[in-house]
Amino acid sequence: MQLTEFLDFDSIKPALSAGTKRSLFTQLATLASERLNLDRSAILDSISKRESLGSTGFGQGVAIPHGKVDGLARIYCLFARLAEPVRYKAIDGGPVDLVFVLLSPPDAGADHLKALAAVSRLVRHGPTIEKLRGARTRDAIAAVLIGADERDAA
């Protein structure tokens, strides 16, 4: 599974101001609910419940909050580069400034894991992370993500 199969390129946020992890989750849930026409609180509850099991802070300033949402027809991902890093309790203890939100239908077990693997492959590549930090527009971020996806597919 490739990132381009489920990433909502129109929802990329190049400079989201969050302030706190809680505010970040609320804003991301709001963005996703508007794009998916689903209840914001259901999305927020899903990613918050998953976060309570253990941090989705991947390290190197990257987080992948994720969850399963009733009523969702397909796997969905949005990306935000934060204007300022937020404290996140990531595995490396560092703040987070790059966030991929991954939402799946409740019955998407294997596909949910494949989508998580696709995102994690991308964020393990240091040069891609640095390019994402340097990209200032939605189009520039999209180009970095498409390039990384093509690299991973090769």
N, C-alpha and C. Protein backbone atom coordinates (compact mmCIF):
# COMPACT_ATOMS: atom_id res chain seq x y z
N MET A 1 0.85 -1.18 0.00
CA MET A 1 0.00 0.00 0.00
C MET A 1 0.89 1.24 0.00
N GLN A 2 0.52 2.21 -0.81
CA GLN A 2 1.29 3.45 -0.93
C GLN A 2 0.52 4.62 -0.31
N LEU A 3 1.25 5.57 0.21
CA LEU A 3 0.66 6.75 0.85
C LEU A 3 -0.29 7.49 -0.09
N THR A 4 0.06 7.57 -1.37
CA THR A 4 -0.78 8.30 -2.31
C THR A 4 -2.16 7.67 -2.50
N GLU A 5 -2.34 6.44 -2.04
CA GLU A 5 -3.64 5.78 -2.14
C GLU A 5 -4.64 6.30 -1.11
N PHE A 6 -4.15 6.90 -0.01
CA PHE A 6 -5.08 7.30 1.06
C PHE A 6 -4.82 8.69 1.62
N LEU A 7 -3.78 9.38 1.19
CA LEU A 7 -3.52 10.74 1.68
C LEU A 7 -4.41 11.75 0.97
N ASP A 8 -5.04 12.62 1.72
CA ASP A 8 -5.87 13.69 1.19
C ASP A 8 -4.95 14.89 0.92
N PHE A 9 -4.49 15.01 -0.30
CA PHE A 9 -3.54 16.07 -0.65
C PHE A 9 -4.15 17.46 -0.49
N ASP A 10 -5.46 17.59 -0.68
CA ASP A 10 -6.11 18.89 -0.54
C ASP A 10 -6.18 19.36 0.91
N SER A 11 -5.98 18.45 1.86
CA SER A 11 -6.07 18.83 3.27
C SER A 11 -4.70 19.07 3.91
N ILE A 12 -3.63 19.00 3.14
CA ILE A 12 -2.30 19.25 3.70
C ILE A 12 -2.25 20.66 4.31
N LYS A 13 -1.75 20.72 5.54
CA LYS A 13 -1.62 22.00 6.24
C LYS A 13 -0.14 22.31 6.40
N PRO A 14 0.37 23.35 5.73
CA PRO A 14 1.81 23.63 5.77
C PRO A 14 2.30 24.37 7.01
N ALA A 15 1.41 24.96 7.80
CA ALA A 15 1.85 25.73 8.98
C ALA A 15 0.72 25.81 10.01
N LEU A 16 0.29 24.66 10.50
CA LEU A 16 -0.80 24.61 11.47
C LEU A 16 -0.31 25.07 12.84
N SER A 17 -1.03 25.99 13.45
CA SER A 17 -0.71 26.45 14.80
C SER A 17 -1.54 25.64 15.79
N ALA A 18 -0.86 24.93 16.68
CA ALA A 18 -1.57 24.05 17.60
C ALA A 18 -1.40 24.44 19.06
N GLY A 19 -0.19 24.74 19.48
CA GLY A 19 0.06 25.12 20.87
C GLY A 19 0.26 23.94 21.80
N THR A 20 -0.73 23.05 21.86
CA THR A 20 -0.66 21.89 22.74
C THR A 20 -1.10 20.64 21.98
N LYS A 21 -0.78 19.51 22.53
CA LYS A 21 -1.19 18.24 21.92
C LYS A 21 -2.71 18.14 21.88
N ARG A 22 -3.35 18.54 22.95
CA ARG A 22 -4.82 18.48 23.01
C ARG A 22 -5.45 19.36 21.92
N SER A 23 -4.93 20.57 21.79
CA SER A 23 -5.42 21.48 20.76
C SER A 23 -5.13 20.92 19.37
N LEU A 24 -3.97 20.32 19.20
CA LEU A 24 -3.61 19.70 17.93
C LEU A 24 -4.62 18.63 17.56
N PHE A 25 -4.92 17.73 18.48
CA PHE A 25 -5.89 16.66 18.21
C PHE A 25 -7.26 17.23 17.86
N THR A 26 -7.68 18.26 18.57
CA THR A 26 -8.99 18.87 18.30
C THR A 26 -9.01 19.47 16.90
N GLN A 27 -7.96 20.19 16.54
CA GLN A 27 -7.90 20.79 15.20
C GLN A 27 -7.86 19.73 14.10
N LEU A 28 -7.07 18.70 14.31
CA LEU A 28 -6.98 17.64 13.31
C LEU A 28 -8.30 16.90 13.15
N ALA A 29 -8.97 16.64 14.27
CA ALA A 29 -10.28 15.99 14.21
C ALA A 29 -11.29 16.88 13.48
N THR A 30 -11.22 18.17 13.70
CA THR A 30 -12.12 19.11 13.01
C THR A 30 -11.85 19.10 11.52
N LEU A 31 -10.58 19.17 11.13
CA LEU A 31 -10.23 19.14 9.71
C LEU A 31 -10.71 17.85 9.05
N ALA A 32 -10.45 16.72 9.69
CA ALA A 32 -10.87 15.43 9.13
C ALA A 32 -12.39 15.34 9.05
N SER A 33 -13.08 15.81 10.07
CA SER A 33 -14.55 15.71 10.06
C SER A 33 -15.15 16.54 8.93
N GLU A 34 -14.55 17.70 8.66
CA GLU A 34 -15.04 18.54 7.57
C GLU A 34 -14.81 17.87 6.21
N ARG A 35 -13.66 17.23 6.05
CA ARG A 35 -13.34 16.58 4.78
C ARG A 35 -14.16 15.31 4.57
N LEU A 36 -14.45 14.60 5.66
CA LEU A 36 -15.12 13.30 5.57
C LEU A 36 -16.61 13.35 5.85
N ASN A 37 -17.08 14.51 6.30
CA ASN A 37 -18.48 14.67 6.69
C ASN A 37 -18.87 13.65 7.76
N LEU A 38 -17.98 13.55 8.77
CA LEU A 38 -18.22 12.67 9.91
C LEU A 38 -18.19 13.50 11.19
N ASP A 39 -18.68 12.92 12.26
CA ASP A 39 -18.74 13.61 13.55
C ASP A 39 -17.33 13.85 14.11
N ARG A 40 -17.03 15.11 14.40
CA ARG A 40 -15.72 15.48 14.92
C ARG A 40 -15.42 14.75 16.22
N SER A 41 -16.39 14.64 17.10
CA SER A 41 -16.13 14.02 18.40
C SER A 41 -15.81 12.53 18.25
N ALA A 42 -16.38 11.86 17.26
CA ALA A 42 -16.05 10.44 17.03
C ALA A 42 -14.59 10.30 16.59
N ILE A 43 -14.14 11.21 15.75
CA ILE A 43 -12.74 11.18 15.30
C ILE A 43 -11.81 11.51 16.45
N LEU A 44 -12.14 12.55 17.19
CA LEU A 44 -11.32 12.95 18.33
C LEU A 44 -11.25 11.83 19.38
N ASP A 45 -12.38 11.21 19.67
CA ASP A 45 -12.41 10.10 20.63
C ASP A 45 -11.53 8.94 20.16
N SER A 46 -11.59 8.64 18.87
CA SER A 46 -10.83 7.51 18.34
C SER A 46 -9.32 7.74 18.48
N ILE A 47 -8.84 8.91 18.06
CA ILE A 47 -7.39 9.13 18.14
C ILE A 47 -6.94 9.34 19.59
N SER A 48 -7.82 9.91 20.41
CA SER A 48 -7.47 10.11 21.83
C SER A 48 -7.40 8.77 22.56
N LYS A 49 -8.35 7.89 22.29
CA LYS A 49 -8.33 6.56 22.93
C LYS A 49 -7.09 5.79 22.53
N ARG A 50 -6.73 5.85 21.26
CA ARG A 50 -5.51 5.17 20.81
C ARG A 50 -4.29 5.77 21.49
N GLU A 51 -4.27 7.07 21.63
CA GLU A 51 -3.13 7.75 22.26
C GLU A 51 -3.00 7.36 23.73
N SER A 52 -4.12 7.09 24.38
CA SER A 52 -4.08 6.70 25.80
C SER A 52 -3.41 5.34 26.00
N LEU A 53 -3.33 4.54 24.94
CA LEU A 53 -2.67 3.23 25.02
C LEU A 53 -1.14 3.37 24.94
N GLY A 54 -0.68 4.47 24.40
CA GLY A 54 0.75 4.71 24.23
C GLY A 54 0.94 5.79 23.19
N SER A 55 1.99 6.55 23.33
CA SER A 55 2.23 7.68 22.44
C SER A 55 2.38 7.24 20.99
N THR A 56 1.78 8.01 20.11
CA THR A 56 1.95 7.81 18.68
C THR A 56 3.06 8.73 18.15
N GLY A 57 3.83 9.32 19.07
CA GLY A 57 5.00 10.10 18.70
C GLY A 57 6.10 9.16 18.26
N PHE A 58 6.37 9.15 16.98
CA PHE A 58 7.26 8.19 16.34
C PHE A 58 8.74 8.47 16.63
N GLY A 59 9.05 9.72 16.96
CA GLY A 59 10.43 10.15 17.13
C GLY A 59 10.83 11.05 15.98
N GLN A 60 11.95 11.75 16.11
CA GLN A 60 12.45 12.69 15.11
C GLN A 60 11.44 13.79 14.77
N GLY A 61 10.55 14.12 15.72
CA GLY A 61 9.58 15.18 15.50
C GLY A 61 8.35 14.76 14.74
N VAL A 62 8.15 13.45 14.56
CA VAL A 62 7.03 12.94 13.77
C VAL A 62 6.03 12.21 14.67
N ALA A 63 4.74 12.43 14.42
CA ALA A 63 3.69 11.69 15.12
C ALA A 63 2.71 11.14 14.09
N ILE A 64 2.16 9.98 14.42
CA ILE A 64 1.17 9.33 13.56
C ILE A 64 -0.06 8.95 14.40
N PRO A 65 -0.81 9.96 14.87
CA PRO A 65 -2.04 9.60 15.60
C PRO A 65 -2.99 8.87 14.65
N HIS A 66 -3.61 7.82 15.17
CA HIS A 66 -4.46 7.02 14.30
C HIS A 66 -5.59 6.39 15.10
N GLY A 67 -6.61 5.97 14.35
CA GLY A 67 -7.74 5.31 14.99
C GLY A 67 -8.72 4.81 13.96
N LYS A 68 -9.70 4.09 14.45
CA LYS A 68 -10.76 3.55 13.60
C LYS A 68 -12.05 4.30 13.92
N VAL A 69 -12.78 4.64 12.86
CA VAL A 69 -13.95 5.50 13.00
C VAL A 69 -15.16 4.88 12.31
N ASP A 70 -16.23 4.71 13.06
CA ASP A 70 -17.49 4.21 12.48
C ASP A 70 -17.97 5.18 11.41
N GLY A 71 -18.49 4.62 10.33
CA GLY A 71 -19.03 5.44 9.25
C GLY A 71 -18.02 5.81 8.19
N LEU A 72 -16.76 5.53 8.44
CA LEU A 72 -15.72 5.84 7.46
C LEU A 72 -15.71 4.74 6.40
N ALA A 73 -15.72 5.14 5.13
CA ALA A 73 -15.82 4.17 4.04
C ALA A 73 -14.47 3.65 3.56
N ARG A 74 -13.39 4.41 3.84
CA ARG A 74 -12.08 4.04 3.33
C ARG A 74 -11.00 4.58 4.26
N ILE A 75 -9.79 4.11 4.10
CA ILE A 75 -8.66 4.63 4.87
C ILE A 75 -8.40 6.07 4.42
N TYR A 76 -8.13 6.91 5.39
CA TYR A 76 -7.96 8.35 5.14
C TYR A 76 -6.78 8.88 5.93
N CYS A 77 -5.99 9.75 5.31
CA CYS A 77 -4.85 10.36 5.99
C CYS A 77 -4.78 11.83 5.65
N LEU A 78 -4.45 12.64 6.65
CA LEU A 78 -4.13 14.03 6.39
C LEU A 78 -2.78 14.34 7.04
N PHE A 79 -2.10 15.34 6.50
CA PHE A 79 -0.77 15.70 6.97
C PHE A 79 -0.75 17.16 7.38
N ALA A 80 -0.07 17.44 8.49
CA ALA A 80 0.13 18.82 8.93
C ALA A 80 1.57 19.03 9.37
N ARG A 81 2.15 20.12 8.89
CA ARG A 81 3.44 20.58 9.41
C ARG A 81 3.09 21.71 10.36
N LEU A 82 3.55 21.61 11.59
CA LEU A 82 3.17 22.59 12.61
C LEU A 82 4.03 23.84 12.53
N ALA A 83 3.42 24.98 12.78
CA ALA A 83 4.15 26.25 12.78
C ALA A 83 5.20 26.24 13.88
N GLU A 84 4.87 25.66 15.02
CA GLU A 84 5.77 25.51 16.16
C GLU A 84 5.60 24.10 16.71
N PRO A 85 6.69 23.42 17.07
CA PRO A 85 6.57 22.07 17.63
C PRO A 85 5.76 22.06 18.93
N VAL A 86 5.10 20.94 19.20
CA VAL A 86 4.35 20.78 20.44
C VAL A 86 4.94 19.63 21.25
N ARG A 87 4.81 19.75 22.56
CA ARG A 87 5.20 18.64 23.44
C ARG A 87 4.24 17.50 23.20
N TYR A 88 4.77 16.29 23.08
CA TYR A 88 3.93 15.19 22.62
C TYR A 88 4.12 13.88 23.39
N LYS A 89 5.17 13.79 24.19
CA LYS A 89 5.53 12.53 24.85
C LYS A 89 5.90 11.46 23.83
N ALA A 90 6.65 11.88 22.83
CA ALA A 90 7.11 10.96 21.78
C ALA A 90 8.10 9.97 22.38
N ILE A 91 8.36 8.89 21.65
CA ILE A 91 9.24 7.85 22.18
C ILE A 91 10.66 8.34 22.44
N ASP A 92 11.08 9.38 21.69
CA ASP A 92 12.42 9.93 21.92
C ASP A 92 12.40 11.14 22.86
N GLY A 93 11.24 11.48 23.39
CA GLY A 93 11.11 12.58 24.32
C GLY A 93 11.07 13.96 23.67
N GLY A 94 11.24 14.02 22.37
CA GLY A 94 11.28 15.31 21.68
C GLY A 94 9.91 15.82 21.28
N PRO A 95 9.83 17.10 20.94
CA PRO A 95 8.57 17.67 20.47
C PRO A 95 8.25 17.20 19.05
N VAL A 96 7.03 17.44 18.62
CA VAL A 96 6.54 17.00 17.32
C VAL A 96 6.19 18.21 16.46
N ASP A 97 6.60 18.16 15.19
CA ASP A 97 6.23 19.22 14.25
C ASP A 97 5.69 18.69 12.93
N LEU A 98 5.73 17.38 12.73
CA LEU A 98 5.18 16.76 11.52
C LEU A 98 4.18 15.68 11.95
N VAL A 99 2.94 15.80 11.46
CA VAL A 99 1.87 14.91 11.93
C VAL A 99 1.09 14.32 10.77
N PHE A 100 1.00 13.00 10.77
CA PHE A 100 0.15 12.27 9.85
C PHE A 100 -0.99 11.69 10.66
N VAL A 101 -2.23 12.05 10.35
CA VAL A 101 -3.39 11.47 11.02
C VAL A 101 -3.93 10.38 10.10
N LEU A 102 -4.06 9.19 10.63
CA LEU A 102 -4.52 8.05 9.85
C LEU A 102 -5.81 7.52 10.46
N LEU A 103 -6.87 7.51 9.66
CA LEU A 103 -8.17 7.02 10.12
C LEU A 103 -8.61 5.88 9.21
N SER A 104 -9.20 4.86 9.82
CA SER A 104 -9.63 3.68 9.07
C SER A 104 -11.02 3.26 9.51
N PRO A 105 -11.73 2.55 8.63
CA PRO A 105 -13.00 1.94 9.03
C PRO A 105 -12.72 0.87 10.09
N PRO A 106 -13.69 0.57 10.95
CA PRO A 106 -13.48 -0.42 12.01
C PRO A 106 -13.06 -1.80 11.53
N ASP A 107 -13.47 -2.18 10.32
CA ASP A 107 -13.15 -3.53 9.82
C ASP A 107 -11.91 -3.57 8.93
N ALA A 108 -11.10 -2.53 8.93
CA ALA A 108 -9.93 -2.44 8.05
C ALA A 108 -8.66 -2.90 8.74
N GLY A 109 -8.72 -4.01 9.47
CA GLY A 109 -7.58 -4.48 10.25
C GLY A 109 -6.26 -4.53 9.51
N ALA A 110 -6.14 -5.41 8.51
CA ALA A 110 -4.88 -5.58 7.79
C ALA A 110 -4.53 -4.34 6.98
N ASP A 111 -5.53 -3.73 6.34
CA ASP A 111 -5.27 -2.53 5.55
C ASP A 111 -4.84 -1.36 6.43
N HIS A 112 -5.40 -1.27 7.63
CA HIS A 112 -4.98 -0.22 8.57
C HIS A 112 -3.49 -0.38 8.90
N LEU A 113 -3.08 -1.62 9.14
CA LEU A 113 -1.67 -1.88 9.44
C LEU A 113 -0.78 -1.61 8.23
N LYS A 114 -1.25 -1.93 7.04
CA LYS A 114 -0.48 -1.64 5.83
C LYS A 114 -0.32 -0.13 5.63
N ALA A 115 -1.38 0.61 5.92
CA ALA A 115 -1.31 2.07 5.79
C ALA A 115 -0.34 2.66 6.82
N LEU A 116 -0.41 2.17 8.05
CA LEU A 116 0.56 2.60 9.07
C LEU A 116 1.99 2.30 8.64
N ALA A 117 2.19 1.13 8.06
CA ALA A 117 3.52 0.75 7.59
C ALA A 117 3.99 1.68 6.48
N ALA A 118 3.09 2.07 5.59
CA ALA A 118 3.46 2.98 4.50
C ALA A 118 3.92 4.33 5.04
N VAL A 119 3.19 4.85 6.03
CA VAL A 119 3.58 6.13 6.63
C VAL A 119 4.89 5.97 7.39
N SER A 120 5.03 4.90 8.15
CA SER A 120 6.25 4.74 8.94
C SER A 120 7.48 4.54 8.06
N ARG A 121 7.34 3.88 6.92
CA ARG A 121 8.47 3.75 5.97
C ARG A 121 8.93 5.13 5.52
N LEU A 122 7.97 5.97 5.20
CA LEU A 122 8.28 7.31 4.72
C LEU A 122 9.00 8.13 5.79
N VAL A 123 8.53 8.07 7.03
CA VAL A 123 9.10 8.93 8.07
C VAL A 123 10.40 8.39 8.66
N ARG A 124 10.77 7.18 8.31
CA ARG A 124 12.08 6.68 8.75
C ARG A 124 13.21 7.19 7.86
N HIS A 125 12.87 7.84 6.77
CA HIS A 125 13.86 8.33 5.82
C HIS A 125 14.21 9.78 6.19
N GLY A 126 15.37 9.97 6.81
CA GLY A 126 15.79 11.28 7.30
C GLY A 126 15.73 12.40 6.27
N PRO A 127 16.24 12.21 5.05
CA PRO A 127 16.17 13.28 4.07
C PRO A 127 14.73 13.71 3.73
N THR A 128 13.80 12.76 3.74
CA THR A 128 12.40 13.12 3.48
C THR A 128 11.86 14.00 4.60
N ILE A 129 12.20 13.67 5.84
CA ILE A 129 11.75 14.47 6.98
C ILE A 129 12.28 15.89 6.87
N GLU A 130 13.55 16.04 6.52
CA GLU A 130 14.13 17.38 6.39
C GLU A 130 13.48 18.16 5.25
N LYS A 131 13.17 17.47 4.14
CA LYS A 131 12.48 18.15 3.03
C LYS A 131 11.09 18.60 3.45
N LEU A 132 10.39 17.78 4.24
CA LEU A 132 9.06 18.18 4.72
C LEU A 132 9.15 19.41 5.61
N ARG A 133 10.19 19.47 6.43
CA ARG A 133 10.36 20.64 7.29
C ARG A 133 10.68 21.90 6.49
N GLY A 134 11.35 21.73 5.37
CA GLY A 134 11.72 22.88 4.54
C GLY A 134 10.63 23.32 3.59
N ALA A 135 9.67 22.45 3.32
CA ALA A 135 8.59 22.79 2.38
C ALA A 135 7.63 23.77 3.05
N ARG A 136 7.30 24.83 2.37
CA ARG A 136 6.48 25.89 2.97
C ARG A 136 5.06 25.98 2.41
N THR A 137 4.79 25.28 1.32
CA THR A 137 3.46 25.33 0.71
C THR A 137 2.87 23.93 0.61
N ARG A 138 1.57 23.88 0.44
CA ARG A 138 0.89 22.59 0.27
C ARG A 138 1.45 21.85 -0.94
N ASP A 139 1.67 22.56 -2.05
CA ASP A 139 2.19 21.91 -3.25
C ASP A 139 3.60 21.37 -3.03
N ALA A 140 4.44 22.13 -2.32
CA ALA A 140 5.81 21.67 -2.06
C ALA A 140 5.80 20.43 -1.16
N ILE A 141 4.94 20.43 -0.15
CA ILE A 141 4.82 19.26 0.73
C ILE A 141 4.31 18.06 -0.07
N ALA A 142 3.30 18.28 -0.91
CA ALA A 142 2.76 17.20 -1.73
C ALA A 142 3.84 16.61 -2.63
N ALA A 143 4.68 17.47 -3.21
CA ALA A 143 5.76 16.99 -4.08
C ALA A 143 6.74 16.11 -3.30
N VAL A 144 7.08 16.51 -2.08
CA VAL A 144 7.98 15.71 -1.24
C VAL A 144 7.34 14.36 -0.94
N LEU A 145 6.07 14.36 -0.56
CA LEU A 145 5.39 13.11 -0.21
C LEU A 145 5.23 12.19 -1.41
N ILE A 146 4.91 12.74 -2.57
CA ILE A 146 4.79 11.92 -3.77
C ILE A 146 6.15 11.33 -4.15
N GLY A 147 7.20 12.15 -4.07
CA GLY A 147 8.54 11.66 -4.37
C GLY A 147 8.97 10.55 -3.43
N ALA A 148 8.67 10.71 -2.15
CA ALA A 148 9.03 9.68 -1.17
C ALA A 148 8.23 8.41 -1.42
N ASP A 149 6.97 8.55 -1.79
CA ASP A 149 6.13 7.39 -2.07
C ASP A 149 6.67 6.63 -3.28
N GLU A 150 7.08 7.38 -4.31
CA GLU A 150 7.65 6.75 -5.50
C GLU A 150 8.96 6.05 -5.16
N ARG A 151 9.78 6.66 -4.31
CA ARG A 151 11.03 6.05 -3.89
C ARG A 151 10.76 4.73 -3.16
N ASP A 152 9.76 4.73 -2.27
CA ASP A 152 9.43 3.52 -1.50
C ASP A 152 8.84 2.43 -2.38
N ALA A 153 8.19 2.83 -3.49
CA ALA A 153 7.57 1.84 -4.38
C ALA A 153 8.61 1.16 -5.26
N ALA A 154 9.75 1.82 -5.45
CA ALA A 154 10.78 1.27 -6.35
C ALA A 154 11.49 0.08 -5.75
